[in-house]
N, C-alpha and C. Protein backbone atom coordinates (compact mmCIF):
# COMPACT_ATOMS: atom_id res chain seq x y z
N MET A 1 86.20 82.71 91.78
CA MET A 1 87.21 83.50 92.48
C MET A 1 86.51 84.51 93.38
N LYS A 2 86.99 84.63 94.63
CA LYS A 2 86.39 85.54 95.59
C LYS A 2 86.72 86.99 95.25
N LYS A 3 85.76 87.86 95.52
CA LYS A 3 85.99 89.29 95.41
C LYS A 3 86.21 89.86 96.81
N ILE A 4 87.27 90.63 96.97
CA ILE A 4 87.53 91.23 98.26
C ILE A 4 87.46 92.75 98.18
N ALA A 5 87.23 93.36 99.33
CA ALA A 5 87.37 94.81 99.49
C ALA A 5 88.31 95.02 100.66
N ILE A 6 89.11 96.08 100.59
CA ILE A 6 90.05 96.41 101.65
C ILE A 6 89.69 97.77 102.20
N LEU A 7 89.58 97.86 103.52
CA LEU A 7 89.28 99.11 104.19
C LEU A 7 90.55 99.65 104.84
N ILE A 8 90.87 100.92 104.58
CA ILE A 8 92.08 101.53 105.09
C ILE A 8 91.77 102.90 105.69
N SER A 9 92.72 103.38 106.50
CA SER A 9 92.63 104.75 107.00
C SER A 9 93.92 105.53 106.78
N GLY A 10 94.99 104.82 106.38
CA GLY A 10 96.29 105.46 106.24
C GLY A 10 97.05 104.97 105.03
N ARG A 11 98.33 104.64 105.24
CA ARG A 11 99.17 104.25 104.11
C ARG A 11 98.87 102.86 103.58
N GLY A 12 98.32 102.00 104.44
CA GLY A 12 97.87 100.71 103.97
C GLY A 12 98.98 99.75 103.55
N SER A 13 99.99 99.57 104.40
CA SER A 13 101.08 98.66 104.01
C SER A 13 100.58 97.22 103.91
N ASN A 14 99.65 96.83 104.77
CA ASN A 14 99.08 95.49 104.64
C ASN A 14 98.19 95.39 103.41
N MET A 15 97.55 96.48 103.03
CA MET A 15 96.80 96.51 101.77
C MET A 15 97.73 96.22 100.60
N VAL A 16 98.88 96.89 100.59
CA VAL A 16 99.85 96.68 99.52
C VAL A 16 100.30 95.23 99.47
N ALA A 17 100.56 94.65 100.64
CA ALA A 17 100.99 93.25 100.69
C ALA A 17 99.93 92.33 100.12
N LEU A 18 98.67 92.60 100.42
CA LEU A 18 97.58 91.77 99.87
C LEU A 18 97.47 91.95 98.36
N LEU A 19 97.53 93.19 97.89
CA LEU A 19 97.43 93.43 96.45
C LEU A 19 98.60 92.79 95.71
N ASP A 20 99.80 92.87 96.29
CA ASP A 20 100.97 92.25 95.66
C ASP A 20 100.81 90.73 95.60
N ALA A 21 100.28 90.14 96.68
CA ALA A 21 100.09 88.69 96.72
C ALA A 21 99.04 88.25 95.70
N ILE A 22 98.00 89.04 95.54
CA ILE A 22 96.97 88.73 94.53
C ILE A 22 97.59 88.82 93.13
N GLU A 23 98.36 89.88 92.90
CA GLU A 23 98.99 90.07 91.59
C GLU A 23 99.97 88.94 91.27
N ALA A 24 100.63 88.43 92.30
CA ALA A 24 101.60 87.35 92.10
C ALA A 24 100.95 85.97 91.99
N GLY A 25 99.64 85.91 92.14
CA GLY A 25 98.94 84.64 92.04
C GLY A 25 98.98 83.81 93.32
N GLU A 26 99.39 84.45 94.43
CA GLU A 26 99.50 83.72 95.70
C GLU A 26 98.16 83.67 96.44
N VAL A 27 97.27 84.56 96.08
CA VAL A 27 95.93 84.59 96.69
C VAL A 27 94.90 84.55 95.56
N PRO A 28 94.05 83.52 95.53
CA PRO A 28 93.07 83.41 94.45
C PRO A 28 91.87 84.32 94.68
N ALA A 29 92.10 85.61 94.46
CA ALA A 29 91.05 86.59 94.70
C ALA A 29 91.21 87.76 93.76
N GLU A 30 90.17 88.57 93.70
CA GLU A 30 90.19 89.82 92.95
C GLU A 30 89.83 90.94 93.92
N CYS A 31 90.63 92.00 93.94
CA CYS A 31 90.29 93.14 94.78
C CYS A 31 89.36 94.05 94.00
N ALA A 32 88.11 94.09 94.42
CA ALA A 32 87.10 94.87 93.71
C ALA A 32 87.09 96.33 94.14
N LEU A 33 87.60 96.60 95.35
CA LEU A 33 87.41 97.94 95.89
C LEU A 33 88.32 98.17 97.09
N VAL A 34 88.87 99.38 97.17
CA VAL A 34 89.55 99.86 98.37
C VAL A 34 88.79 101.08 98.87
N ILE A 35 88.37 101.02 100.12
CA ILE A 35 87.59 102.10 100.72
C ILE A 35 88.39 102.73 101.86
N SER A 36 88.37 104.05 101.92
CA SER A 36 88.99 104.76 103.04
C SER A 36 87.99 105.72 103.67
N ASN A 37 88.06 105.82 104.98
CA ASN A 37 87.26 106.82 105.69
C ASN A 37 87.98 108.15 105.79
N VAL A 38 89.26 108.18 105.33
CA VAL A 38 90.08 109.39 105.38
C VAL A 38 90.37 109.84 103.95
N PRO A 39 89.89 111.00 103.54
CA PRO A 39 90.02 111.42 102.13
C PRO A 39 91.45 111.47 101.60
N ASP A 40 92.40 111.85 102.44
CA ASP A 40 93.78 111.97 101.96
C ASP A 40 94.67 110.82 102.42
N ALA A 41 94.09 109.67 102.70
CA ALA A 41 94.89 108.51 103.09
C ALA A 41 95.86 108.15 101.97
N PRO A 42 97.17 108.06 102.26
CA PRO A 42 98.15 107.76 101.21
C PRO A 42 97.88 106.46 100.47
N GLY A 43 97.26 105.49 101.14
CA GLY A 43 97.00 104.21 100.50
C GLY A 43 96.07 104.30 99.31
N LEU A 44 95.26 105.34 99.24
CA LEU A 44 94.34 105.49 98.10
C LEU A 44 95.10 105.66 96.80
N LYS A 45 96.13 106.50 96.81
CA LYS A 45 96.94 106.70 95.60
C LYS A 45 97.66 105.41 95.22
N THR A 46 98.13 104.69 96.22
CA THR A 46 98.81 103.43 95.94
C THR A 46 97.88 102.43 95.27
N ALA A 47 96.67 102.32 95.80
CA ALA A 47 95.70 101.38 95.23
C ALA A 47 95.31 101.80 93.82
N ALA A 48 95.08 103.08 93.62
CA ALA A 48 94.71 103.57 92.29
C ALA A 48 95.81 103.31 91.28
N ALA A 49 97.06 103.47 91.71
CA ALA A 49 98.19 103.21 90.82
C ALA A 49 98.28 101.74 90.42
N LYS A 50 97.72 100.87 91.24
CA LYS A 50 97.68 99.45 90.93
C LYS A 50 96.44 99.06 90.14
N GLY A 51 95.63 100.06 89.78
CA GLY A 51 94.46 99.81 88.97
C GLY A 51 93.24 99.35 89.73
N VAL A 52 93.24 99.55 91.05
CA VAL A 52 92.11 99.12 91.88
C VAL A 52 91.15 100.29 92.06
N LYS A 53 89.87 100.01 91.98
CA LYS A 53 88.87 101.05 92.21
C LYS A 53 88.94 101.53 93.65
N ILE A 54 88.93 102.85 93.84
CA ILE A 54 89.00 103.42 95.18
C ILE A 54 87.74 104.23 95.47
N LEU A 55 87.44 104.33 96.76
CA LEU A 55 86.25 105.05 97.17
C LEU A 55 86.49 105.68 98.53
N VAL A 56 86.16 106.94 98.68
CA VAL A 56 86.24 107.62 99.98
C VAL A 56 84.84 107.74 100.56
N ILE A 57 84.69 107.22 101.78
CA ILE A 57 83.44 107.39 102.53
C ILE A 57 83.84 108.01 103.86
N ASP A 58 83.84 109.32 103.89
CA ASP A 58 84.33 110.09 105.04
C ASP A 58 83.37 109.93 106.21
N HIS A 59 83.88 109.41 107.34
CA HIS A 59 83.00 109.19 108.49
C HIS A 59 82.48 110.50 109.08
N ARG A 60 83.16 111.60 108.78
CA ARG A 60 82.71 112.90 109.31
C ARG A 60 81.42 113.38 108.66
N ASN A 61 81.05 112.73 107.56
CA ASN A 61 79.81 113.11 106.88
C ASN A 61 78.61 112.29 107.35
N SER A 62 78.82 111.47 108.36
CA SER A 62 77.73 110.66 108.91
C SER A 62 77.50 111.03 110.36
N SER A 63 76.26 110.93 110.78
CA SER A 63 75.90 111.32 112.15
C SER A 63 76.15 110.23 113.16
N SER A 64 76.37 109.00 112.69
CA SER A 64 76.60 107.88 113.60
C SER A 64 77.48 106.84 112.91
N ARG A 65 78.03 105.96 113.72
CA ARG A 65 78.84 104.85 113.17
C ARG A 65 77.98 103.96 112.29
N GLU A 66 76.75 103.76 112.70
CA GLU A 66 75.85 102.90 111.93
C GLU A 66 75.54 103.50 110.56
N GLU A 67 75.33 104.82 110.54
CA GLU A 67 75.06 105.46 109.25
C GLU A 67 76.26 105.36 108.32
N HIS A 68 77.44 105.56 108.88
CA HIS A 68 78.67 105.45 108.08
C HIS A 68 78.84 104.04 107.54
N ASP A 69 78.64 103.04 108.40
CA ASP A 69 78.81 101.66 107.96
C ASP A 69 77.73 101.24 106.96
N SER A 70 76.57 101.86 107.04
CA SER A 70 75.52 101.57 106.05
C SER A 70 75.95 102.02 104.66
N LYS A 71 76.66 103.14 104.59
CA LYS A 71 77.18 103.62 103.30
C LYS A 71 78.25 102.65 102.77
N ILE A 72 79.11 102.18 103.67
CA ILE A 72 80.12 101.21 103.26
C ILE A 72 79.46 99.92 102.78
N LEU A 73 78.46 99.47 103.53
CA LEU A 73 77.76 98.24 103.16
C LEU A 73 77.14 98.35 101.78
N ALA A 74 76.54 99.48 101.47
CA ALA A 74 75.93 99.67 100.14
C ALA A 74 76.98 99.55 99.05
N ALA A 75 78.17 100.11 99.30
CA ALA A 75 79.25 100.02 98.30
C ALA A 75 79.74 98.59 98.16
N LEU A 76 79.84 97.87 99.26
CA LEU A 76 80.30 96.47 99.22
C LEU A 76 79.31 95.60 98.45
N LEU A 77 78.04 95.80 98.71
CA LEU A 77 77.02 95.01 98.03
C LEU A 77 76.97 95.34 96.54
N ASP A 78 77.13 96.62 96.22
CA ASP A 78 77.13 97.03 94.82
C ASP A 78 78.30 96.41 94.05
N ALA A 79 79.44 96.24 94.73
CA ALA A 79 80.62 95.64 94.10
C ALA A 79 80.62 94.12 94.20
N GLN A 80 79.59 93.56 94.80
CA GLN A 80 79.44 92.10 94.96
C GLN A 80 80.65 91.50 95.68
N VAL A 81 81.04 92.13 96.77
CA VAL A 81 82.19 91.70 97.54
C VAL A 81 81.85 90.47 98.39
N ASP A 82 82.79 89.54 98.45
CA ASP A 82 82.63 88.33 99.27
C ASP A 82 83.30 88.47 100.63
N ILE A 83 84.48 89.09 100.66
CA ILE A 83 85.30 89.15 101.87
C ILE A 83 85.80 90.57 102.05
N VAL A 84 85.78 91.04 103.30
CA VAL A 84 86.27 92.37 103.63
C VAL A 84 87.54 92.23 104.47
N CYS A 85 88.60 92.93 104.10
CA CYS A 85 89.86 92.90 104.84
C CYS A 85 90.13 94.29 105.42
N LEU A 86 90.30 94.35 106.72
CA LEU A 86 90.68 95.59 107.38
C LEU A 86 92.20 95.68 107.37
N ALA A 87 92.73 96.81 106.89
CA ALA A 87 94.18 96.98 106.79
C ALA A 87 94.54 98.37 107.30
N GLY A 88 94.75 98.46 108.61
CA GLY A 88 95.00 99.77 109.19
C GLY A 88 93.76 100.65 109.16
N TYR A 89 92.61 100.01 109.31
CA TYR A 89 91.34 100.76 109.32
C TYR A 89 91.05 101.16 110.76
N MET A 90 91.10 102.44 111.04
CA MET A 90 91.07 102.93 112.42
C MET A 90 89.67 103.32 112.89
N ARG A 91 88.73 102.45 112.56
CA ARG A 91 87.35 102.66 113.02
C ARG A 91 86.82 101.34 113.56
N LEU A 92 86.06 101.42 114.64
CA LEU A 92 85.37 100.23 115.13
C LEU A 92 84.22 99.91 114.17
N ILE A 93 84.07 98.63 113.88
CA ILE A 93 83.02 98.19 112.97
C ILE A 93 81.72 98.01 113.75
N SER A 94 80.63 98.56 113.23
CA SER A 94 79.34 98.46 113.90
C SER A 94 78.63 97.16 113.50
N PRO A 95 77.59 96.78 114.24
CA PRO A 95 76.81 95.59 113.88
C PRO A 95 76.21 95.64 112.48
N VAL A 96 76.04 96.83 111.93
CA VAL A 96 75.51 96.94 110.57
C VAL A 96 76.36 96.13 109.59
N LEU A 97 77.67 96.29 109.67
CA LEU A 97 78.58 95.55 108.79
C LEU A 97 78.80 94.13 109.27
N ILE A 98 78.96 93.97 110.58
CA ILE A 98 79.27 92.64 111.12
C ILE A 98 78.16 91.65 110.80
N HIS A 99 76.92 92.07 110.95
CA HIS A 99 75.79 91.17 110.69
C HIS A 99 75.69 90.83 109.19
N ALA A 100 75.92 91.81 108.34
CA ALA A 100 75.81 91.58 106.90
C ALA A 100 76.95 90.71 106.38
N PHE A 101 78.13 90.82 106.99
CA PHE A 101 79.29 90.05 106.54
C PHE A 101 79.82 89.17 107.67
N ARG A 102 78.92 88.51 108.36
CA ARG A 102 79.30 87.65 109.47
C ARG A 102 80.32 86.59 109.03
N ASN A 103 81.45 86.54 109.74
CA ASN A 103 82.54 85.61 109.44
C ASN A 103 83.13 85.82 108.04
N ARG A 104 82.97 87.03 107.53
CA ARG A 104 83.58 87.37 106.24
C ARG A 104 84.37 88.69 106.30
N ILE A 105 84.63 89.16 107.53
CA ILE A 105 85.47 90.33 107.74
C ILE A 105 86.73 89.89 108.47
N LEU A 106 87.88 90.18 107.89
CA LEU A 106 89.16 89.78 108.47
C LEU A 106 89.90 91.01 108.99
N ASN A 107 90.68 90.80 110.04
CA ASN A 107 91.53 91.86 110.56
C ASN A 107 92.88 91.26 110.93
N ILE A 108 93.92 92.09 110.89
CA ILE A 108 95.22 91.66 111.38
C ILE A 108 95.60 92.54 112.56
N HIS A 109 96.07 91.89 113.62
CA HIS A 109 96.41 92.60 114.85
C HIS A 109 97.85 92.28 115.23
N PRO A 110 98.64 93.29 115.60
CA PRO A 110 100.07 93.07 115.85
C PRO A 110 100.39 92.55 117.25
N ALA A 111 99.74 91.46 117.62
CA ALA A 111 100.02 90.78 118.88
C ALA A 111 99.46 89.36 118.76
N LEU A 112 99.85 88.52 119.71
CA LEU A 112 99.35 87.14 119.73
C LEU A 112 98.07 87.10 120.56
N LEU A 113 96.96 87.36 119.90
CA LEU A 113 95.68 87.32 120.60
C LEU A 113 95.45 85.92 121.18
N PRO A 114 94.76 85.85 122.32
CA PRO A 114 93.98 86.90 122.97
C PRO A 114 94.78 87.85 123.86
N ALA A 115 96.11 87.74 123.87
CA ALA A 115 96.92 88.68 124.64
C ALA A 115 96.99 90.04 123.93
N PHE A 116 96.92 91.10 124.69
CA PHE A 116 97.16 92.47 124.24
C PHE A 116 96.26 92.91 123.08
N PRO A 117 94.96 92.92 123.28
CA PRO A 117 94.08 93.56 122.28
C PRO A 117 94.22 95.07 122.38
N GLY A 118 93.66 95.78 121.41
CA GLY A 118 93.66 97.23 121.47
C GLY A 118 94.90 97.86 120.87
N LEU A 119 95.29 99.01 121.43
CA LEU A 119 96.38 99.82 120.88
C LEU A 119 97.67 99.67 121.69
N HIS A 120 98.78 100.14 121.10
CA HIS A 120 100.09 100.18 121.76
C HIS A 120 100.51 98.80 122.27
N VAL A 121 100.29 97.80 121.45
CA VAL A 121 100.47 96.43 121.93
C VAL A 121 101.93 96.05 122.12
N GLN A 122 102.84 96.55 121.26
CA GLN A 122 104.25 96.22 121.46
C GLN A 122 104.78 96.84 122.75
N ARG A 123 104.33 98.06 123.03
CA ARG A 123 104.72 98.70 124.29
C ARG A 123 104.26 97.86 125.48
N LYS A 124 103.03 97.38 125.41
CA LYS A 124 102.50 96.55 126.49
C LYS A 124 103.28 95.24 126.63
N ALA A 125 103.63 94.64 125.49
CA ALA A 125 104.39 93.38 125.53
C ALA A 125 105.74 93.58 126.21
N LEU A 126 106.40 94.68 125.90
CA LEU A 126 107.69 94.97 126.51
C LEU A 126 107.53 95.28 128.00
N GLU A 127 106.48 96.00 128.37
CA GLU A 127 106.25 96.33 129.78
C GLU A 127 105.95 95.07 130.60
N TYR A 128 105.24 94.12 130.00
CA TYR A 128 104.91 92.89 130.71
C TYR A 128 106.08 91.90 130.73
N GLY A 129 107.07 92.13 129.86
CA GLY A 129 108.22 91.24 129.84
C GLY A 129 107.98 89.89 129.20
N VAL A 130 107.00 89.81 128.29
CA VAL A 130 106.77 88.53 127.61
C VAL A 130 107.94 88.25 126.67
N ARG A 131 108.18 87.01 126.38
CA ARG A 131 109.33 86.61 125.56
C ARG A 131 109.01 86.51 124.08
N PHE A 132 107.71 86.40 123.77
CA PHE A 132 107.30 86.28 122.37
C PHE A 132 106.13 87.22 122.10
N SER A 133 106.16 87.82 120.93
CA SER A 133 105.03 88.60 120.44
C SER A 133 104.73 88.07 119.03
N GLY A 134 104.12 88.89 118.21
CA GLY A 134 103.81 88.43 116.86
C GLY A 134 102.58 89.14 116.32
N CYS A 135 101.82 88.42 115.50
CA CYS A 135 100.62 89.02 114.90
C CYS A 135 99.58 87.93 114.65
N THR A 136 98.34 88.37 114.53
CA THR A 136 97.20 87.45 114.43
C THR A 136 96.24 87.93 113.35
N VAL A 137 95.81 87.03 112.49
CA VAL A 137 94.69 87.30 111.58
C VAL A 137 93.47 86.61 112.16
N HIS A 138 92.39 87.36 112.30
CA HIS A 138 91.19 86.81 112.93
C HIS A 138 89.94 87.35 112.25
N PHE A 139 88.85 86.63 112.45
CA PHE A 139 87.55 87.13 112.01
C PHE A 139 87.12 88.25 112.96
N VAL A 140 86.38 89.20 112.43
CA VAL A 140 85.91 90.33 113.22
C VAL A 140 84.51 90.02 113.76
N ASP A 141 84.36 90.22 115.07
CA ASP A 141 83.03 90.11 115.66
C ASP A 141 82.72 91.39 116.43
N GLU A 142 81.73 91.34 117.32
CA GLU A 142 81.26 92.55 117.98
C GLU A 142 82.25 93.10 119.01
N GLU A 143 83.22 92.31 119.43
CA GLU A 143 84.19 92.77 120.42
C GLU A 143 85.50 93.12 119.74
N VAL A 144 86.29 93.98 120.38
CA VAL A 144 87.54 94.45 119.79
C VAL A 144 88.61 93.35 119.82
N ASP A 145 89.19 93.04 118.65
CA ASP A 145 90.29 92.08 118.54
C ASP A 145 89.93 90.77 119.24
N HIS A 146 88.78 90.23 118.90
CA HIS A 146 88.23 89.13 119.69
C HIS A 146 87.82 87.91 118.86
N GLY A 147 87.52 88.06 117.58
CA GLY A 147 86.93 86.98 116.80
C GLY A 147 87.84 85.78 116.64
N PRO A 148 87.32 84.67 116.10
CA PRO A 148 88.09 83.45 115.93
C PRO A 148 89.40 83.66 115.18
N ILE A 149 90.45 83.04 115.71
CA ILE A 149 91.80 83.20 115.17
C ILE A 149 92.00 82.28 113.96
N ILE A 150 92.53 82.84 112.89
CA ILE A 150 92.79 82.06 111.67
C ILE A 150 94.25 81.61 111.63
N LEU A 151 95.17 82.56 111.71
CA LEU A 151 96.60 82.24 111.70
C LEU A 151 97.35 83.21 112.60
N GLN A 152 98.49 82.76 113.11
CA GLN A 152 99.37 83.62 113.89
C GLN A 152 100.81 83.41 113.47
N ALA A 153 101.60 84.48 113.59
CA ALA A 153 103.05 84.40 113.38
C ALA A 153 103.73 84.80 114.68
N VAL A 154 104.82 84.10 115.00
CA VAL A 154 105.51 84.30 116.27
C VAL A 154 106.82 85.05 116.04
N VAL A 155 107.00 86.11 116.82
CA VAL A 155 108.21 86.92 116.75
C VAL A 155 108.80 87.05 118.15
N PRO A 156 110.01 86.52 118.39
CA PRO A 156 110.60 86.63 119.73
C PRO A 156 110.99 88.06 120.06
N ILE A 157 110.89 88.40 121.32
CA ILE A 157 111.34 89.71 121.79
C ILE A 157 112.80 89.58 122.20
N MET A 158 113.66 90.32 121.52
CA MET A 158 115.09 90.25 121.76
C MET A 158 115.48 91.15 122.93
N PRO A 159 116.60 90.84 123.60
CA PRO A 159 117.01 91.63 124.78
C PRO A 159 117.14 93.13 124.50
N GLY A 160 117.54 93.50 123.28
CA GLY A 160 117.73 94.92 122.98
C GLY A 160 116.55 95.58 122.32
N ASP A 161 115.42 94.89 122.24
CA ASP A 161 114.26 95.45 121.54
C ASP A 161 113.68 96.66 122.25
N GLU A 162 113.26 97.61 121.43
CA GLU A 162 112.42 98.72 121.85
C GLU A 162 111.12 98.63 121.07
N GLU A 163 110.19 99.50 121.38
CA GLU A 163 108.89 99.44 120.71
C GLU A 163 109.02 99.53 119.20
N GLY A 164 109.91 100.41 118.73
CA GLY A 164 110.06 100.60 117.29
C GLY A 164 110.67 99.40 116.59
N THR A 165 111.71 98.81 117.16
CA THR A 165 112.36 97.67 116.51
C THR A 165 111.44 96.45 116.50
N LEU A 166 110.72 96.25 117.59
CA LEU A 166 109.80 95.12 117.65
C LEU A 166 108.66 95.31 116.65
N SER A 167 108.12 96.52 116.58
CA SER A 167 107.04 96.80 115.63
C SER A 167 107.49 96.55 114.20
N HIS A 168 108.73 96.95 113.89
CA HIS A 168 109.26 96.79 112.54
C HIS A 168 109.36 95.31 112.17
N ARG A 169 109.84 94.48 113.07
CA ARG A 169 109.98 93.06 112.76
C ARG A 169 108.62 92.38 112.64
N ILE A 170 107.70 92.79 113.49
CA ILE A 170 106.36 92.20 113.42
C ILE A 170 105.67 92.57 112.12
N LEU A 171 105.84 93.81 111.67
CA LEU A 171 105.17 94.26 110.44
C LEU A 171 105.56 93.40 109.25
N ALA A 172 106.83 93.00 109.17
CA ALA A 172 107.26 92.14 108.07
C ALA A 172 106.50 90.83 108.06
N PHE A 173 106.19 90.32 109.24
CA PHE A 173 105.44 89.07 109.32
C PHE A 173 103.94 89.30 109.12
N GLU A 174 103.44 90.49 109.45
CA GLU A 174 102.05 90.80 109.15
C GLU A 174 101.79 90.65 107.65
N HIS A 175 102.70 91.16 106.84
CA HIS A 175 102.52 91.12 105.39
C HIS A 175 102.43 89.69 104.87
N LYS A 176 103.25 88.80 105.41
CA LYS A 176 103.21 87.40 105.00
C LYS A 176 101.93 86.73 105.51
N LEU A 177 101.63 86.98 106.78
CA LEU A 177 100.54 86.27 107.45
C LEU A 177 99.19 86.60 106.83
N TYR A 178 98.95 87.88 106.57
CA TYR A 178 97.64 88.28 106.06
C TYR A 178 97.36 87.64 104.71
N ALA A 179 98.35 87.64 103.84
CA ALA A 179 98.16 87.04 102.52
C ALA A 179 97.88 85.54 102.63
N LYS A 180 98.62 84.87 103.51
CA LYS A 180 98.42 83.42 103.67
C LYS A 180 97.05 83.12 104.25
N ALA A 181 96.62 83.89 105.24
CA ALA A 181 95.30 83.66 105.83
C ALA A 181 94.19 83.92 104.82
N LEU A 182 94.31 84.99 104.06
CA LEU A 182 93.30 85.29 103.04
C LEU A 182 93.25 84.20 101.99
N SER A 183 94.41 83.68 101.62
CA SER A 183 94.46 82.59 100.65
C SER A 183 93.69 81.37 101.17
N LEU A 184 93.88 81.03 102.44
CA LEU A 184 93.17 79.88 103.01
C LEU A 184 91.66 80.10 103.00
N ILE A 185 91.23 81.33 103.30
CA ILE A 185 89.81 81.64 103.27
C ILE A 185 89.26 81.51 101.85
N CYS A 186 89.98 82.06 100.88
CA CYS A 186 89.52 82.01 99.49
C CYS A 186 89.49 80.60 98.94
N GLU A 187 90.33 79.73 99.47
CA GLU A 187 90.38 78.34 99.04
C GLU A 187 89.45 77.45 99.86
N ASP A 188 88.63 78.06 100.72
CA ASP A 188 87.67 77.33 101.57
C ASP A 188 88.38 76.29 102.44
N LYS A 189 89.52 76.67 102.98
CA LYS A 189 90.28 75.77 103.84
C LYS A 189 90.20 76.16 105.32
N VAL A 190 89.20 76.98 105.64
CA VAL A 190 88.96 77.36 107.03
C VAL A 190 87.49 77.09 107.33
N ARG A 191 87.25 76.31 108.42
CA ARG A 191 85.88 75.99 108.80
C ARG A 191 85.67 76.37 110.26
N LEU A 192 84.63 77.15 110.51
CA LEU A 192 84.33 77.57 111.87
C LEU A 192 83.58 76.47 112.61
N GLU A 193 84.09 76.17 113.80
CA GLU A 193 83.44 75.20 114.68
C GLU A 193 83.30 75.86 116.04
N GLY A 194 82.19 76.55 116.23
CA GLY A 194 82.02 77.31 117.45
C GLY A 194 83.00 78.48 117.49
N ARG A 195 83.80 78.53 118.54
CA ARG A 195 84.77 79.61 118.72
C ARG A 195 86.04 79.37 117.92
N ARG A 196 86.21 78.16 117.40
CA ARG A 196 87.46 77.78 116.76
C ARG A 196 87.36 77.81 115.25
N ALA A 197 88.40 78.37 114.61
CA ALA A 197 88.51 78.31 113.15
C ALA A 197 89.45 77.15 112.82
N ARG A 198 88.89 76.06 112.34
CA ARG A 198 89.68 74.87 112.03
C ARG A 198 90.28 74.98 110.64
N LEU A 199 91.58 74.70 110.52
CA LEU A 199 92.25 74.73 109.23
C LEU A 199 92.14 73.36 108.58
N LEU A 200 91.63 73.32 107.36
CA LEU A 200 91.45 72.05 106.65
C LEU A 200 92.72 71.74 105.88
N LEU A 201 93.77 71.41 106.63
CA LEU A 201 95.10 71.16 106.08
C LEU A 201 95.67 69.88 106.68
N THR A 202 96.57 69.25 105.93
CA THR A 202 97.33 68.15 106.51
C THR A 202 98.40 68.73 107.43
N ASN A 203 98.96 67.86 108.28
CA ASN A 203 100.04 68.31 109.16
C ASN A 203 101.21 68.86 108.36
N LEU A 204 101.52 68.22 107.23
CA LEU A 204 102.64 68.66 106.40
C LEU A 204 102.35 70.04 105.80
N GLU A 205 101.13 70.24 105.31
CA GLU A 205 100.76 71.55 104.75
C GLU A 205 100.87 72.64 105.80
N TYR A 206 100.43 72.31 107.02
CA TYR A 206 100.49 73.31 108.09
C TYR A 206 101.94 73.59 108.49
N LYS A 207 102.77 72.56 108.55
CA LYS A 207 104.19 72.76 108.87
C LYS A 207 104.87 73.65 107.83
N ASN A 208 104.49 73.49 106.58
CA ASN A 208 105.07 74.32 105.52
C ASN A 208 104.69 75.78 105.69
N ILE A 209 103.45 76.02 106.13
CA ILE A 209 103.02 77.39 106.41
C ILE A 209 103.78 77.95 107.59
N LEU A 210 103.89 77.16 108.65
CA LEU A 210 104.55 77.62 109.87
C LEU A 210 106.02 77.96 109.63
N SER A 211 106.66 77.23 108.74
CA SER A 211 108.09 77.46 108.51
C SER A 211 108.37 78.87 108.02
N ASP A 212 107.36 79.50 107.44
CA ASP A 212 107.55 80.86 106.91
C ASP A 212 107.00 81.92 107.86
N LEU A 213 106.49 81.48 109.01
CA LEU A 213 105.81 82.41 109.91
C LEU A 213 106.39 82.43 111.31
N VAL A 214 107.64 81.98 111.44
CA VAL A 214 108.30 82.00 112.75
C VAL A 214 109.61 82.75 112.61
N ASP A 215 109.74 83.83 113.35
CA ASP A 215 110.96 84.62 113.37
C ASP A 215 111.99 83.91 114.25
N ARG A 216 113.16 83.64 113.68
CA ARG A 216 114.21 82.96 114.45
C ARG A 216 115.08 83.93 115.24
N GLY A 217 114.65 85.19 115.27
CA GLY A 217 115.41 86.16 116.05
C GLY A 217 116.31 87.03 115.21
N GLY A 218 116.03 87.12 113.91
CA GLY A 218 116.84 87.95 113.05
C GLY A 218 116.58 89.43 113.30
N ALA A 219 117.53 90.27 112.89
CA ALA A 219 117.39 91.70 113.12
C ALA A 219 116.41 92.31 112.13
């Protein structure tokens, strides 16, 4: 069984979704550690209440991003972590971590990458007038919101949508998507072929996943 660590900076709603999925037996993994760079991040109390070991590594106590990530790396290695999941972690990852956990760091982004990387993505989607948005789970590499895509969920933009309503609908699918993508990784059903993350699934298995990851336009 894979050991995971989750990195957070705030309330960690995607962290909660992953922990709930693990507890329900939907993801064959053990969460060994939750790390926050923010000492009073609300997600720390949530994780502790679920019996998960928590650790604060305040980035303000390091002189550089590399020094901070070296401290995180030491904690990950000490806990024998296999996979790192970013869940609302508001720090750019340095090469120190990326090189040590190459293709073993996952992130979820609230847009259909490669469209709209970065921040304020729902606002950008509405400004551009695209008809569909959604969320993406991808491997983390040296560029922002750039690594190979594992899974995506599609959420249509409704005529009356504002940034808040669209964000709310996408978040519900983030929770489903992240758990499903992590499950595929833990089950060794994802194989990297250059830039592409190939899913080792039958068409029927993939259709079953997709049926739960497409918003039909509900409120």
